[in-house]
Amino acid sequence: MDVIVYTTATCPFCNMLTKYLEDKGIEFTEKRVDTDKQAEEEMMQSSGGFLGVPFTVIDKDNGRETVIGFDQNKLNSLFGK
């Protein structure tokens, strides 16, 4: 499973999400869209043009899931926590 989290430096929900993932022991890659133009373009492509953060992409064996914002209930369901 690959997890990519798109964030910005000033987003409090981004900080909550990365802390949640760390606390659950879930490995992830953080991409800062405020300092990395390529990451911003990746996020726009994956999200269908959505520019809000945090935005999470989860690639699993059975497909791709995306999560807009810090939706803990959806994340718990997707990660089986």
Protein backbone atom coordinates (compact mmCIF):
# COMPACT_ATOMS: atom_id res chain seq x y z
CA MET A 1 0.00 0.00 0.00
CA ASP A 2 1.28 3.44 -0.94
CA VAL A 3 0.00 6.56 0.83
CA ILE A 4 0.70 10.07 -0.41
CA VAL A 5 -0.42 13.10 1.60
CA TYR A 6 -0.48 16.50 -0.08
CA THR A 7 -0.02 19.32 2.44
CA THR A 8 1.03 22.92 3.03
CA ALA A 9 3.15 24.33 5.85
CA THR A 10 0.36 26.43 7.38
CA CYS A 11 -2.49 23.89 7.29
CA PRO A 12 -3.54 22.72 10.79
CA PHE A 13 -5.56 19.82 9.37
CA CYS A 14 -2.48 18.66 7.47
CA ASN A 15 -0.57 18.51 10.75
CA MET A 16 -3.43 16.57 12.37
CA LEU A 17 -3.47 14.10 9.48
CA THR A 18 0.28 13.45 9.48
CA LYS A 19 0.24 12.98 13.26
CA TYR A 20 -2.70 10.55 12.93
CA LEU A 21 -0.79 8.49 10.34
CA GLU A 22 2.38 8.49 12.45
CA ASP A 23 0.42 7.46 15.57
CA LYS A 24 -1.20 4.56 13.64
CA GLY A 25 2.18 3.44 12.27
CA ILE A 26 1.14 4.04 8.67
CA GLU A 27 4.02 4.85 6.34
CA PHE A 28 3.34 7.74 3.99
CA THR A 29 5.00 10.21 1.68
CA GLU A 30 4.29 13.87 2.33
CA LYS A 31 4.32 16.23 -0.63
CA ARG A 32 4.18 19.96 0.04
CA VAL A 33 2.13 21.68 -2.65
CA ASP A 34 3.06 25.15 -1.38
CA THR A 35 6.74 24.65 -2.23
CA ASP A 36 6.70 21.96 -4.93
CA LYS A 37 5.01 22.81 -8.24
CA GLN A 38 5.26 19.20 -9.46
CA ALA A 39 3.47 17.97 -6.31
CA GLU A 40 0.75 20.58 -6.88
CA GLU A 41 0.26 19.36 -10.44
CA GLU A 42 0.15 15.71 -9.28
CA MET A 43 -2.48 16.59 -6.69
CA MET A 44 -4.60 18.47 -9.22
CA GLN A 45 -4.49 15.50 -11.59
CA SER A 46 -5.36 12.96 -8.86
CA SER A 47 -8.11 15.13 -7.38
CA GLY A 48 -9.77 16.25 -10.59
CA GLY A 49 -8.64 19.85 -10.06
CA PHE A 50 -9.33 20.14 -6.33
CA LEU A 51 -6.79 22.38 -4.60
CA GLY A 52 -7.70 21.98 -0.91
CA VAL A 53 -5.38 20.29 1.55
CA PRO A 54 -4.85 17.87 3.05
CA PHE A 55 -5.52 15.52 0.16
CA THR A 56 -4.61 11.86 0.56
CA VAL A 57 -4.13 9.22 -2.13
CA ILE A 58 -4.10 5.59 -1.03
CA ASP A 59 -3.06 2.98 -3.60
CA LYS A 60 -3.98 -0.53 -2.51
CA ASP A 61 -4.00 -3.86 -4.32
CA ASN A 62 -7.73 -3.47 -4.99
CA GLY A 63 -7.57 0.10 -6.34
CA ARG A 64 -7.07 3.73 -5.48
CA GLU A 65 -8.89 5.70 -2.80
CA THR A 66 -8.73 9.42 -2.17
CA VAL A 67 -9.61 11.40 0.93
CA ILE A 68 -10.31 15.13 0.97
CA GLY A 69 -9.47 16.83 4.26
CA PHE A 70 -8.84 15.04 7.54
CA ASP A 71 -11.74 12.56 7.57
CA GLN A 72 -10.74 10.29 10.44
CA ASN A 73 -13.73 7.97 10.09
CA LYS A 74 -13.03 7.34 6.41
CA LEU A 75 -9.32 6.88 7.11
CA ASN A 76 -10.07 4.38 9.91
CA SER A 77 -12.27 2.45 7.51
CA LEU A 78 -9.71 2.45 4.70
CA PHE A 79 -6.83 1.43 6.98
CA GLY A 80 -8.88 -1.06 9.00
CA LYS A 81 -8.08 0.71 12.26
